[in-house]
Amino acid sequence: MISLNGIEKIYRQGNALIHALKGITLNIEQGEIFGIIGRAGAGKSALIRSINLLEHPSSGSVVVDRCDLTTLTTDALRQARRHIGMVFQHCNLMSSRTVFENIALPLEMNGASHDTIEATVRPLLALTQLSNKSDAYPKELTSGQKQLVAIARALVTTPKVLLCEEVTAALDSKTKQLILQILHEINQRHKTTIVLITHEMEVIKTLCDRVAVLHQGEVVEQSSVLEFFTHPRSDIGKDFVKASARHEMPNSLRNSLRAKSAPNYNPILRIAFKDPDTQESFIGYVVQQFNLSVNIIQAHLEEIRESTVGIMTVEIIGDENETKRAIQFLEVKDIYVEVLGYAQRST
């Protein structure tokens, strides 16, 4: 559905050149929800706006539904964009138009009839729970309601692709859940391909099928969401996963960790596994087979899409060589193991 091939984006800032995107190549399948995460300045906005050429790449190609947008004339690009909806972080509503009129605007610009507009806008008002705000103006709405209007407006042309730029940022939890529910419903009902950028890991966990991690203008990691949360590969990916954990490591332990092994220090591991029922079996096997002790510091379950993932922080006590063998055994069993550091033995 969407293929980004070698996307480069270079800005000129005075005499300096800013290399915002560096050879981005991504393939997004029809009907999937694809998330893009990264720190501020990573290039997320430049990337998502390249998909509909609001940001024209300095080089590379953007293929949407088998059409290379970078080769189109201005008129042809305008036609192609009718099938690509976009929801901006700051809504961009027209203050002089009511909620109904803001949502209807794309249809009016396309020359739709009054009956078509009514038949299309009313269901979207119901979907976004804005039916009672139809005649209200943007100044009368909450931030969350404005975002819902922007989503309805983006959906009014039934786009094949929906681009979402931080659509849940700074909203209350109830509105966030409603927005996620709407996006999921639209994806399921119409097989709409959704690409979103966000800094909120809960959005990635709840909504996305796959995720790409952007860092300094480059994609440093991409995988299924389940794979990402259980087997992050890049350093920044690991940081995002750690930051999203519901339970923090005790401060006393975290502050005492050292980076390298030393006599009388035990490794502290983060272990993630896709089947929580395997927890007791692999711990028991490690204890018996490698003559080690396992001290569980914390453990919890994460709901990621329709899957449940177990995540544990443990201390391994025993022979260093046997510990290495145990880690290799776990990795072969598709259990993610990360050494967080080394803590001094209590005895």
C-alpha atoms as a PDB file:
ATOM      1  CA  MET A   1       0.000   0.000   0.000  1.00  0.00           C
ATOM      2  CA  ILE A   2       2.718   2.501   1.021  1.00  0.00           C
ATOM      3  CA  SER A   3       6.366   2.234  -0.008  1.00  0.00           C
ATOM      4  CA  LEU A   4       8.918   4.825   1.018  1.00  0.00           C
ATOM      5  CA  ASN A   5      12.144   4.310  -0.865  1.00  0.00           C
ATOM      6  CA  GLY A   6      15.327   6.133   0.078  1.00  0.00           C
ATOM      7  CA  ILE A   7      13.551   9.198   1.449  1.00  0.00           C
ATOM      8  CA  GLU A   8      15.904  12.096   2.150  1.00  0.00           C
ATOM      9  CA  LYS A   9      14.808  15.468   3.507  1.00  0.00           C
ATOM     10  CA  ILE A  10      17.247  18.349   3.800  1.00  0.00           C
ATOM     11  CA  TYR A  11      16.304  21.779   5.125  1.00  0.00           C
ATOM     12  CA  ARG A  12      18.330  24.926   4.766  1.00  0.00           C
ATOM     13  CA  GLN A  13      18.590  26.989   7.953  1.00  0.00           C
ATOM     14  CA  GLY A  14      20.572  30.088   7.186  1.00  0.00           C
ATOM     15  CA  ASN A  15      23.869  28.817   5.814  1.00  0.00           C
ATOM     16  CA  ALA A  16      23.449  25.424   7.471  1.00  0.00           C
ATOM     17  CA  LEU A  17      21.879  22.275   6.023  1.00  0.00           C
ATOM     18  CA  ILE A  18      19.689  20.186   8.334  1.00  0.00           C
ATOM     19  CA  HIS A  19      19.510  16.518   7.320  1.00  0.00           C
ATOM     20  CA  ALA A  20      16.090  15.617   8.770  1.00  0.00           C
ATOM     21  CA  LEU A  21      15.570  12.256   6.999  1.00  0.00           C
ATOM     22  CA  LYS A  22      18.392   9.991   5.892  1.00  0.00           C
ATOM     23  CA  GLY A  23      17.513   7.311   3.373  1.00  0.00           C
ATOM     24  CA  ILE A  24      14.251   6.125   4.935  1.00  0.00           C
ATOM     25  CA  THR A  25      12.863   2.925   3.418  1.00  0.00           C
ATOM     26  CA  LEU A  26       9.591   1.537   4.773  1.00  0.00           C
ATOM     27  CA  ASN A  27       6.875  -0.732   3.429  1.00  0.00           C
ATOM     28  CA  ILE A  28       3.424  -0.483   5.015  1.00  0.00           C
ATOM     29  CA  GLU A  29       0.843  -3.098   4.110  1.00  0.00           C
ATOM     30  CA  GLN A  30      -2.738  -2.385   3.112  1.00  0.00           C
ATOM     31  CA  GLY A  31      -5.053  -2.380   6.125  1.00  0.00           C
ATOM     32  CA  GLU A  32      -2.415  -2.327   8.856  1.00  0.00           C
ATOM     33  CA  ILE A  33      -1.917   0.230  11.613  1.00  0.00           C
ATOM     34  CA  PHE A  34       1.705   1.313  11.554  1.00  0.00           C
ATOM     35  CA  GLY A  35       3.238   3.330  14.396  1.00  0.00           C
ATOM     36  CA  ILE A  36       6.325   5.545  14.266  1.00  0.00           C
ATOM     37  CA  ILE A  37       8.038   6.546  17.505  1.00  0.00           C
ATOM     38  CA  GLY A  38      11.098   8.621  18.233  1.00  0.00           C
ATOM     39  CA  ARG A  39      12.368  11.376  20.445  1.00  0.00           C
ATOM     40  CA  ALA A  40      11.809  15.063  19.694  1.00  0.00           C
ATOM     41  CA  GLY A  41      13.779  16.050  16.615  1.00  0.00           C
ATOM     42  CA  ALA A  42      14.006  12.492  15.279  1.00  0.00           C
ATOM     43  CA  GLY A  43      12.216  13.457  12.059  1.00  0.00           C
ATOM     44  CA  LYS A  44       8.792  11.948  12.773  1.00  0.00           C
ATOM     45  CA  SER A  45       6.716  14.862  11.476  1.00  0.00           C
ATOM     46  CA  ALA A  46       8.866  15.251   8.376  1.00  0.00           C
ATOM     47  CA  LEU A  47       8.437  11.542   7.683  1.00  0.00           C
ATOM     48  CA  ILE A  48       4.661  11.310   8.046  1.00  0.00           C
ATOM     49  CA  ARG A  49       4.174  14.527   6.060  1.00  0.00           C
ATOM     50  CA  SER A  50       6.293  13.057   3.281  1.00  0.00           C
ATOM     51  CA  ILE A  51       3.684  10.360   2.724  1.00  0.00           C
ATOM     52  CA  ASN A  52       1.207  12.874   1.278  1.00  0.00           C
ATOM     53  CA  LEU A  53       3.962  15.236   0.095  1.00  0.00           C
ATOM     54  CA  LEU A  54       3.068  18.067   2.435  1.00  0.00           C
ATOM     55  CA  GLU A  55       6.822  17.810   2.919  1.00  0.00           C
ATOM     56  CA  HIS A  56       8.332  17.109  -0.485  1.00  0.00           C
ATOM     57  CA  PRO A  57      11.340  14.776  -0.099  1.00  0.00           C
ATOM     58  CA  SER A  58      14.688  16.068  -1.278  1.00  0.00           C
ATOM     59  CA  SER A  59      15.157  12.675  -2.909  1.00  0.00           C
ATOM     60  CA  GLY A  60      13.541   9.239  -2.962  1.00  0.00           C
ATOM     61  CA  SER A  61      10.105   8.011  -3.983  1.00  0.00           C
ATOM     62  CA  VAL A  62       6.750   7.789  -2.212  1.00  0.00           C
ATOM     63  CA  VAL A  63       4.427   5.129  -3.616  1.00  0.00           C
ATOM     64  CA  VAL A  64       0.850   5.039  -2.296  1.00  0.00           C
ATOM     65  CA  ASP A  65      -1.592   2.507  -3.735  1.00  0.00           C
ATOM     66  CA  ARG A  66       0.818   1.769  -6.618  1.00  0.00           C
ATOM     67  CA  CYS A  67       1.147   5.467  -7.546  1.00  0.00           C
ATOM     68  CA  ASP A  68       4.458   7.304  -7.183  1.00  0.00           C
ATOM     69  CA  LEU A  69       3.332  10.652  -5.782  1.00  0.00           C
ATOM     70  CA  THR A  70       6.705  12.285  -6.419  1.00  0.00           C
ATOM     71  CA  THR A  71       6.143  12.024 -10.182  1.00  0.00           C
ATOM     72  CA  LEU A  72       2.666  13.613 -10.263  1.00  0.00           C
ATOM     73  CA  THR A  73       1.674  17.024 -11.545  1.00  0.00           C
ATOM     74  CA  THR A  74       0.125  19.474  -9.087  1.00  0.00           C
ATOM     75  CA  ASP A  75      -3.412  18.633 -10.256  1.00  0.00           C
ATOM     76  CA  ALA A  76      -2.802  14.877 -10.193  1.00  0.00           C
ATOM     77  CA  LEU A  77      -1.299  15.123  -6.687  1.00  0.00           C
ATOM     78  CA  ARG A  78      -4.360  17.051  -5.518  1.00  0.00           C
ATOM     79  CA  GLN A  79      -6.558  14.212  -6.804  1.00  0.00           C
ATOM     80  CA  ALA A  80      -4.387  11.558  -5.142  1.00  0.00           C
ATOM     81  CA  ARG A  81      -4.567  13.361  -1.805  1.00  0.00           C
ATOM     82  CA  ARG A  82      -8.339  12.910  -1.763  1.00  0.00           C
ATOM     83  CA  HIS A  83      -7.640   9.299  -0.798  1.00  0.00           C
ATOM     84  CA  ILE A  84      -5.188  10.256   1.966  1.00  0.00           C
ATOM     85  CA  GLY A  85      -6.691  11.768   5.109  1.00  0.00           C
ATOM     86  CA  MET A  86      -4.555  13.520   7.703  1.00  0.00           C
ATOM     87  CA  VAL A  87      -5.168  14.492  11.305  1.00  0.00           C
ATOM     88  CA  PHE A  88      -2.793  17.148  12.626  1.00  0.00           C
ATOM     89  CA  GLN A  89      -1.797  17.558  16.263  1.00  0.00           C
ATOM     90  CA  HIS A  90      -3.211  21.084  16.337  1.00  0.00           C
ATOM     91  CA  CYS A  91      -6.509  20.310  14.541  1.00  0.00           C
ATOM     92  CA  ASN A  92      -6.506  23.338  12.189  1.00  0.00           C
ATOM     93  CA  LEU A  93     -10.262  23.904  12.420  1.00  0.00           C
ATOM     94  CA  MET A  94     -11.883  26.943  10.854  1.00  0.00           C
ATOM     95  CA  SER A  95     -13.150  29.167  13.658  1.00  0.00           C
ATOM     96  CA  SER A  96     -15.940  30.664  11.523  1.00  0.00           C
ATOM     97  CA  ARG A  97     -17.507  27.284  10.724  1.00  0.00           C
ATOM     98  CA  THR A  98     -19.579  25.015  12.948  1.00  0.00           C
ATOM     99  CA  VAL A  99     -18.590  21.466  13.799  1.00  0.00           C
ATOM    100  CA  PHE A 100     -20.821  20.152  11.024  1.00  0.00           C
ATOM    101  CA  GLU A 101     -19.425  22.645   8.522  1.00  0.00           C
ATOM    102  CA  ASN A 102     -15.808  21.882   9.455  1.00  0.00           C
ATOM    103  CA  ILE A 103     -16.377  18.170   8.908  1.00  0.00           C
ATOM    104  CA  ALA A 104     -18.241  18.792   5.639  1.00  0.00           C
ATOM    105  CA  LEU A 105     -15.567  21.075   4.169  1.00  0.00           C
ATOM    106  CA  PRO A 106     -13.680  18.431   2.111  1.00  0.00           C
ATOM    107  CA  LEU A 107     -16.970  17.224   0.596  1.00  0.00           C
ATOM    108  CA  GLU A 108     -17.976  20.773  -0.280  1.00  0.00           C
ATOM    109  CA  MET A 109     -14.626  21.332  -1.973  1.00  0.00           C
ATOM    110  CA  ASN A 110     -15.203  18.146  -3.976  1.00  0.00           C
ATOM    111  CA  GLY A 111     -18.616  19.428  -5.113  1.00  0.00           C
ATOM    112  CA  ALA A 112     -20.750  16.908  -3.178  1.00  0.00           C
ATOM    113  CA  SER A 113     -24.493  17.454  -3.018  1.00  0.00           C
ATOM    114  CA  HIS A 114     -26.348  18.577   0.097  1.00  0.00           C
ATOM    115  CA  ASP A 115     -27.904  15.116   0.506  1.00  0.00           C
ATOM    116  CA  THR A 116     -24.527  13.406   0.198  1.00  0.00           C
ATOM    117  CA  ILE A 117     -23.029  15.725   2.778  1.00  0.00           C
ATOM    118  CA  GLU A 118     -25.876  15.082   5.230  1.00  0.00           C
ATOM    119  CA  ALA A 119     -25.709  11.330   4.722  1.00  0.00           C
ATOM    120  CA  THR A 120     -21.945  11.287   5.253  1.00  0.00           C
ATOM    121  CA  VAL A 121     -21.438  13.791   8.074  1.00  0.00           C
ATOM    122  CA  ARG A 122     -24.247  12.684  10.412  1.00  0.00           C
ATOM    123  CA  PRO A 123     -22.850   9.152  10.967  1.00  0.00           C
ATOM    124  CA  LEU A 124     -19.394  10.620  11.653  1.00  0.00           C
ATOM    125  CA  LEU A 125     -20.868  12.956  14.249  1.00  0.00           C
ATOM    126  CA  ALA A 126     -22.394   9.912  15.920  1.00  0.00           C
ATOM    127  CA  LEU A 127     -19.150   7.926  15.665  1.00  0.00           C
ATOM    128  CA  THR A 128     -17.165  10.708  17.349  1.00  0.00           C
ATOM    129  CA  GLN A 129     -19.918  11.384  19.922  1.00  0.00           C
ATOM    130  CA  LEU A 130     -20.363  14.943  18.648  1.00  0.00           C
ATOM    131  CA  SER A 131     -23.988  14.830  17.495  1.00  0.00           C
ATOM    132  CA  ASN A 132     -24.984  17.305  20.195  1.00  0.00           C
ATOM    133  CA  LYS A 133     -22.160  19.650  19.111  1.00  0.00           C
ATOM    134  CA  SER A 134     -23.137  19.824  15.438  1.00  0.00           C
ATOM    135  CA  ASP A 135     -23.929  23.558  15.528  1.00  0.00           C
ATOM    136  CA  ALA A 136     -21.180  24.539  17.981  1.00  0.00           C
ATOM    137  CA  TYR A 137     -18.114  26.536  16.974  1.00  0.00           C
ATOM    138  CA  PRO A 138     -14.514  25.512  17.751  1.00  0.00           C
ATOM    139  CA  LYS A 139     -14.184  28.080  20.544  1.00  0.00           C
ATOM    140  CA  GLU A 140     -16.983  26.254  22.379  1.00  0.00           C
ATOM    141  CA  LEU A 141     -15.211  22.887  22.291  1.00  0.00           C
ATOM    142  CA  THR A 142     -12.676  21.208  24.540  1.00  0.00           C
ATOM    143  CA  SER A 143      -9.278  20.211  23.140  1.00  0.00           C
ATOM    144  CA  GLY A 144     -10.460  16.622  22.902  1.00  0.00           C
ATOM    145  CA  GLN A 145     -13.630  17.571  21.038  1.00  0.00           C
ATOM    146  CA  LYS A 146     -11.630  19.642  18.568  1.00  0.00           C
ATOM    147  CA  GLN A 147      -9.426  16.620  17.886  1.00  0.00           C
ATOM    148  CA  LEU A 148     -12.516  14.482  17.321  1.00  0.00           C
ATOM    149  CA  VAL A 149     -13.794  17.032  14.792  1.00  0.00           C
ATOM    150  CA  ALA A 150     -10.444  16.870  13.005  1.00  0.00           C
ATOM    151  CA  ILE A 151     -10.646  13.074  12.883  1.00  0.00           C
ATOM    152  CA  ALA A 152     -14.200  13.162  11.507  1.00  0.00           C
ATOM    153  CA  ARG A 153     -13.138  15.698   8.865  1.00  0.00           C
ATOM    154  CA  ALA A 154     -10.237  13.458   7.808  1.00  0.00           C
ATOM    155  CA  LEU A 155     -12.607  10.481   7.509  1.00  0.00           C
ATOM    156  CA  VAL A 156     -15.367  12.260   5.608  1.00  0.00           C
ATOM    157  CA  THR A 157     -13.972  11.288   2.190  1.00  0.00           C
ATOM    158  CA  THR A 158     -13.503   7.629   3.276  1.00  0.00           C
ATOM    159  CA  PRO A 159      -9.743   7.710   2.614  1.00  0.00           C
ATOM    160  CA  LYS A 160      -7.722   4.609   1.861  1.00  0.00           C
ATOM    161  CA  VAL A 161      -4.912   5.965   4.037  1.00  0.00           C
ATOM    162  CA  LEU A 162      -5.176   7.951   7.269  1.00  0.00           C
ATOM    163  CA  LEU A 163      -2.132   9.807   8.621  1.00  0.00           C
ATOM    164  CA  CYS A 164      -2.216  10.774  12.300  1.00  0.00           C
ATOM    165  CA  GLU A 165       0.208  13.223  13.874  1.00  0.00           C
ATOM    166  CA  GLU A 166       0.224  12.946  17.697  1.00  0.00           C
ATOM    167  CA  VAL A 167      -3.579  12.726  17.755  1.00  0.00           C
ATOM    168  CA  THR A 168      -3.800  11.801  21.455  1.00  0.00           C
ATOM    169  CA  ALA A 169      -1.210  14.234  22.789  1.00  0.00           C
ATOM    170  CA  ALA A 170      -2.237  16.196  25.910  1.00  0.00           C
ATOM    171  CA  LEU A 171      -5.771  14.757  26.002  1.00  0.00           C
ATOM    172  CA  ASP A 172      -7.599  13.243  28.955  1.00  0.00           C
ATOM    173  CA  SER A 173      -7.664   9.459  29.234  1.00  0.00           C
ATOM    174  CA  LYS A 174     -11.344   9.145  28.322  1.00  0.00           C
ATOM    175  CA  THR A 175     -10.914  11.054  25.060  1.00  0.00           C
ATOM    176  CA  LYS A 176      -7.729   9.122  24.260  1.00  0.00           C
ATOM    177  CA  GLN A 177      -9.587   5.841  24.622  1.00  0.00           C
ATOM    178  CA  LEU A 178     -12.408   7.109  22.406  1.00  0.00           C
ATOM    179  CA  ILE A 179      -9.955   8.176  19.707  1.00  0.00           C
ATOM    180  CA  LEU A 180      -8.176   4.810  19.810  1.00  0.00           C
ATOM    181  CA  GLN A 181     -11.547   3.059  19.623  1.00  0.00           C
ATOM    182  CA  ILE A 182     -12.568   5.140  16.583  1.00  0.00           C
ATOM    183  CA  LEU A 183      -9.292   4.499  14.762  1.00  0.00           C
ATOM    184  CA  HIS A 184      -9.543   0.773  15.452  1.00  0.00           C
ATOM    185  CA  GLU A 185     -13.153   0.681  14.260  1.00  0.00           C
ATOM    186  CA  ILE A 186     -12.364   2.563  11.048  1.00  0.00           C
ATOM    187  CA  ASN A 187      -9.447   0.259  10.363  1.00  0.00           C
ATOM    188  CA  GLN A 188     -11.564  -2.844  10.910  1.00  0.00           C
ATOM    189  CA  ARG A 189     -14.661  -1.604   9.084  1.00  0.00           C
ATOM    190  CA  HIS A 190     -13.032  -0.090   5.993  1.00  0.00           C
ATOM    191  CA  LYS A 191      -9.569  -1.723   6.071  1.00  0.00           C
ATOM    192  CA  THR A 192      -8.149   1.793   6.194  1.00  0.00           C
ATOM    193  CA  THR A 193      -4.369   1.848   6.360  1.00  0.00           C
ATOM    194  CA  ILE A 194      -3.366   4.024   9.320  1.00  0.00           C
ATOM    195  CA  VAL A 195       0.060   5.530   9.898  1.00  0.00           C
ATOM    196  CA  LEU A 196       0.574   7.403  13.140  1.00  0.00           C
ATOM    197  CA  ILE A 197       3.386   9.103  14.969  1.00  0.00           C
ATOM    198  CA  THR A 198       3.257   9.288  18.727  1.00  0.00           C
ATOM    199  CA  HIS A 199       5.424   9.572  21.803  1.00  0.00           C
ATOM    200  CA  GLU A 200       2.905   7.581  23.859  1.00  0.00           C
ATOM    201  CA  MET A 201       3.829   3.934  24.156  1.00  0.00           C
ATOM    202  CA  GLU A 202       0.332   3.024  25.328  1.00  0.00           C
ATOM    203  CA  VAL A 203      -0.948   4.057  21.894  1.00  0.00           C
ATOM    204  CA  ILE A 204       1.572   1.740  20.228  1.00  0.00           C
ATOM    205  CA  LYS A 205       0.677  -1.131  22.588  1.00  0.00           C
ATOM    206  CA  THR A 206      -3.065  -0.733  22.183  1.00  0.00           C
ATOM    207  CA  LEU A 207      -3.499   0.096  18.519  1.00  0.00           C
ATOM    208  CA  CYS A 208      -0.578  -0.711  16.251  1.00  0.00           C
ATOM    209  CA  ASP A 209       0.288  -3.842  14.299  1.00  0.00           C
ATOM    210  CA  ARG A 210       3.872  -2.824  13.564  1.00  0.00           C
ATOM    211  CA  VAL A 211       6.204  -0.089  14.742  1.00  0.00           C
ATOM    212  CA  ALA A 212       9.311   1.698  13.462  1.00  0.00           C
ATOM    213  CA  VAL A 213      11.762   3.520  15.709  1.00  0.00           C
ATOM    214  CA  LEU A 214      13.165   6.730  14.247  1.00  0.00           C
ATOM    215  CA  HIS A 215      16.399   8.217  15.584  1.00  0.00           C
ATOM    216  CA  GLN A 216      18.245  11.197  14.118  1.00  0.00           C
ATOM    217  CA  GLY A 217      16.479  10.821  10.794  1.00  0.00           C
ATOM    218  CA  GLU A 218      17.047   7.072  10.418  1.00  0.00           C
ATOM    219  CA  VAL A 219      14.927   3.995  11.044  1.00  0.00           C
ATOM    220  CA  VAL A 220      16.958   2.053  13.592  1.00  0.00           C
ATOM    221  CA  GLU A 221      14.416  -0.687  14.232  1.00  0.00           C
ATOM    222  CA  GLN A 222      11.103  -1.989  12.894  1.00  0.00           C
ATOM    223  CA  SER A 223       9.080  -5.044  13.843  1.00  0.00           C
ATOM    224  CA  SER A 224       5.690  -6.236  14.990  1.00  0.00           C
ATOM    225  CA  VAL A 225       4.545  -4.520  18.165  1.00  0.00           C
ATOM    226  CA  LEU A 226       4.640  -7.790  20.091  1.00  0.00           C
ATOM    227  CA  GLU A 227       8.204  -8.442  18.919  1.00  0.00           C
ATOM    228  CA  PHE A 228       9.206  -4.890  19.783  1.00  0.00           C
ATOM    229  CA  PHE A 229       8.011  -5.088  23.383  1.00  0.00           C
ATOM    230  CA  THR A 230       9.525  -8.515  23.981  1.00  0.00           C
ATOM    231  CA  HIS A 231      12.719  -8.260  21.872  1.00  0.00           C
ATOM    232  CA  PRO A 232      13.724  -4.596  21.334  1.00  0.00           C
ATOM    233  CA  ARG A 233      16.973  -4.487  19.356  1.00  0.00           C
ATOM    234  CA  SER A 234      18.131  -0.868  19.260  1.00  0.00           C
ATOM    235  CA  ASP A 235      19.339   1.060  22.280  1.00  0.00           C
ATOM    236  CA  ILE A 236      16.636   3.693  21.846  1.00  0.00           C
ATOM    237  CA  GLY A 237      14.027   0.965  21.386  1.00  0.00           C
ATOM    238  CA  LYS A 238      15.110  -0.570  24.689  1.00  0.00           C
ATOM    239  CA  ASP A 239      14.835   2.846  26.322  1.00  0.00           C
ATOM    240  CA  PHE A 240      11.262   3.270  25.067  1.00  0.00           C
ATOM    241  CA  VAL A 241      10.254  -0.173  26.312  1.00  0.00           C
ATOM    242  CA  LYS A 242      11.824   0.422  29.720  1.00  0.00           C
ATOM    243  CA  ALA A 243      10.112   3.803  30.015  1.00  0.00           C
ATOM    244  CA  SER A 244       6.742   2.214  29.303  1.00  0.00           C
ATOM    245  CA  ALA A 245       7.066  -0.423  32.023  1.00  0.00           C
ATOM    246  CA  ARG A 246       4.330  -0.188  34.625  1.00  0.00           C
ATOM    247  CA  HIS A 247       6.697  -1.080  37.479  1.00  0.00           C
ATOM    248  CA  GLU A 248       9.984   0.661  38.091  1.00  0.00           C
ATOM    249  CA  MET A 249      13.006  -1.106  39.486  1.00  0.00           C
ATOM    250  CA  PRO A 250      13.494  -0.146  43.162  1.00  0.00           C
ATOM    251  CA  ASN A 251      15.601   3.023  43.398  1.00  0.00           C
ATOM    252  CA  SER A 252      17.996   1.448  45.849  1.00  0.00           C
ATOM    253  CA  LEU A 253      18.787  -1.336  43.388  1.00  0.00           C
ATOM    254  CA  ARG A 254      18.902   0.849  40.274  1.00  0.00           C
ATOM    255  CA  ASN A 255      21.291   3.310  41.910  1.00  0.00           C
ATOM    256  CA  SER A 256      23.610   0.539  43.053  1.00  0.00           C
ATOM    257  CA  LEU A 257      23.975  -1.181  39.665  1.00  0.00           C
ATOM    258  CA  ARG A 258      27.341  -1.231  37.956  1.00  0.00           C
ATOM    259  CA  ALA A 259      27.811  -1.725  34.217  1.00  0.00           C
ATOM    260  CA  LYS A 260      30.404  -4.511  34.334  1.00  0.00           C
ATOM    261  CA  SER A 261      30.699  -7.729  36.271  1.00  0.00           C
ATOM    262  CA  ALA A 262      32.945  -7.897  39.338  1.00  0.00           C
ATOM    263  CA  PRO A 263      33.634 -10.356  42.198  1.00  0.00           C
ATOM    264  CA  ASN A 264      30.709 -10.672  44.599  1.00  0.00           C
ATOM    265  CA  TYR A 265      28.301  -9.049  42.116  1.00  0.00           C
ATOM    266  CA  ASN A 266      25.254 -10.762  40.585  1.00  0.00           C
ATOM    267  CA  PRO A 267      23.685  -9.963  37.184  1.00  0.00           C
ATOM    268  CA  ILE A 268      20.273  -8.279  37.151  1.00  0.00           C
ATOM    269  CA  LEU A 269      18.261  -9.342  34.128  1.00  0.00           C
ATOM    270  CA  ARG A 270      15.140  -8.117  32.393  1.00  0.00           C
ATOM    271  CA  ILE A 271      13.290 -11.090  30.940  1.00  0.00           C
ATOM    272  CA  ALA A 272      10.301 -10.873  28.589  1.00  0.00           C
ATOM    273  CA  PHE A 273       8.311 -13.830  27.298  1.00  0.00           C
ATOM    274  CA  LYS A 274       5.205 -14.141  25.143  1.00  0.00           C
ATOM    275  CA  ASP A 275       3.516 -16.963  27.038  1.00  0.00           C
ATOM    276  CA  PRO A 276       3.117 -16.141  30.757  1.00  0.00           C
ATOM    277  CA  ASP A 277       2.410 -19.804  31.485  1.00  0.00           C
ATOM    278  CA  THR A 278       6.067 -20.575  30.710  1.00  0.00           C
ATOM    279  CA  GLN A 279       7.336 -18.551  33.689  1.00  0.00           C
ATOM    280  CA  GLU A 280       7.479 -21.326  36.290  1.00  0.00           C
ATOM    281  CA  SER A 281       8.790 -23.932  33.853  1.00  0.00           C
ATOM    282  CA  PHE A 282      11.787 -21.934  32.608  1.00  0.00           C
ATOM    283  CA  ILE A 283      12.704 -20.672  36.080  1.00  0.00           C
ATOM    284  CA  GLY A 284      12.573 -24.193  37.440  1.00  0.00           C
ATOM    285  CA  TYR A 285      14.677 -25.486  34.553  1.00  0.00           C
ATOM    286  CA  VAL A 286      17.331 -22.785  35.036  1.00  0.00           C
ATOM    287  CA  VAL A 287      17.546 -23.508  38.763  1.00  0.00           C
ATOM    288  CA  GLN A 288      17.907 -27.275  38.299  1.00  0.00           C
ATOM    289  CA  GLN A 289      19.907 -27.519  35.065  1.00  0.00           C
ATOM    290  CA  PHE A 290      22.458 -24.795  35.801  1.00  0.00           C
ATOM    291  CA  ASN A 291      22.502 -24.976  39.612  1.00  0.00           C
ATOM    292  CA  LEU A 292      21.529 -21.320  39.940  1.00  0.00           C
ATOM    293  CA  SER A 293      19.218 -19.401  42.221  1.00  0.00           C
ATOM    294  CA  VAL A 294      16.740 -16.907  40.791  1.00  0.00           C
ATOM    295  CA  ASN A 295      15.565 -14.001  42.911  1.00  0.00           C
ATOM    296  CA  ILE A 296      12.468 -12.380  41.360  1.00  0.00           C
ATOM    297  CA  ILE A 297      12.672  -8.650  42.056  1.00  0.00           C
ATOM    298  CA  GLN A 298       9.481  -7.717  40.197  1.00  0.00           C
ATOM    299  CA  ALA A 299       7.094  -9.278  37.687  1.00  0.00           C
ATOM    300  CA  HIS A 300       4.025  -8.124  35.814  1.00  0.00           C
ATOM    301  CA  LEU A 301       1.912  -8.772  32.734  1.00  0.00           C
ATOM    302  CA  GLU A 302       1.515  -6.409  29.771  1.00  0.00           C
ATOM    303  CA  GLU A 303      -1.485  -6.425  27.415  1.00  0.00           C
ATOM    304  CA  ILE A 304      -0.161  -5.807  23.898  1.00  0.00           C
ATOM    305  CA  ARG A 305      -2.916  -5.903  21.294  1.00  0.00           C
ATOM    306  CA  GLU A 306      -4.569  -9.292  21.804  1.00  0.00           C
ATOM    307  CA  SER A 307      -1.534 -10.847  23.490  1.00  0.00           C
ATOM    308  CA  THR A 308      -0.348 -11.053  27.083  1.00  0.00           C
ATOM    309  CA  VAL A 309       3.373 -10.666  27.710  1.00  0.00           C
ATOM    310  CA  GLY A 310       5.216 -11.476  30.929  1.00  0.00           C
ATOM    311  CA  ILE A 311       8.017  -9.157  32.019  1.00  0.00           C
ATOM    312  CA  MET A 312      10.310  -9.858  34.970  1.00  0.00           C
ATOM    313  CA  THR A 313      13.340  -8.340  36.649  1.00  0.00           C
ATOM    314  CA  VAL A 314      15.442 -11.026  38.308  1.00  0.00           C
ATOM    315  CA  GLU A 315      18.747 -11.490  40.074  1.00  0.00           C
ATOM    316  CA  ILE A 316      20.763 -14.571  39.082  1.00  0.00           C
ATOM    317  CA  ILE A 317      22.873 -16.048  41.848  1.00  0.00           C
ATOM    318  CA  GLY A 318      25.546 -18.623  41.074  1.00  0.00           C
ATOM    319  CA  ASP A 319      28.536 -19.474  38.902  1.00  0.00           C
ATOM    320  CA  GLU A 320      29.289 -16.885  36.200  1.00  0.00           C
ATOM    321  CA  ASN A 321      29.856 -19.439  33.426  1.00  0.00           C
ATOM    322  CA  GLU A 322      26.649 -21.275  34.293  1.00  0.00           C
ATOM    323  CA  THR A 323      24.815 -17.950  34.250  1.00  0.00           C
ATOM    324  CA  LYS A 324      26.042 -17.303  30.697  1.00  0.00           C
ATOM    325  CA  ARG A 325      24.879 -20.764  29.645  1.00  0.00           C
ATOM    326  CA  ALA A 326      21.483 -20.143  31.223  1.00  0.00           C
ATOM    327  CA  ILE A 327      21.090 -16.867  29.327  1.00  0.00           C
ATOM    328  CA  GLN A 328      21.982 -18.618  26.058  1.00  0.00           C
ATOM    329  CA  PHE A 329      19.402 -21.307  26.847  1.00  0.00           C
ATOM    330  CA  LEU A 330      16.674 -18.706  27.426  1.00  0.00           C
ATOM    331  CA  GLU A 331      17.487 -16.859  24.203  1.00  0.00           C
ATOM    332  CA  VAL A 332      17.275 -20.095  22.212  1.00  0.00           C
ATOM    333  CA  LYS A 333      13.802 -20.581  23.726  1.00  0.00           C
ATOM    334  CA  ASP A 334      12.779 -17.172  22.280  1.00  0.00           C
ATOM    335  CA  ILE A 335      12.836 -15.519  25.691  1.00  0.00           C
ATOM    336  CA  TYR A 336      14.254 -11.989  25.600  1.00  0.00           C
ATOM    337  CA  VAL A 337      17.055 -11.405  28.094  1.00  0.00           C
ATOM    338  CA  GLU A 338      18.769  -8.091  28.760  1.00  0.00           C
ATOM    339  CA  VAL A 339      21.492  -7.605  31.357  1.00  0.00           C
ATOM    340  CA  LEU A 340      20.550  -4.394  33.174  1.00  0.00           C
ATOM    341  CA  GLY A 341      23.703  -4.367  35.266  1.00  0.00           C
ATOM    342  CA  TYR A 342      25.322  -6.028  38.260  1.00  0.00           C
ATOM    343  CA  ALA A 343      24.375  -5.690  41.927  1.00  0.00           C
ATOM    344  CA  GLN A 344      26.486  -6.498  44.955  1.00  0.00           C
ATOM    345  CA  ARG A 345      25.583  -9.714  46.722  1.00  0.00           C
ATOM    346  CA  SER A 346      23.785  -9.228  50.015  1.00  0.00           C
ATOM    347  CA  THR A 347      25.732 -12.046  51.692  1.00  0.00           C
END
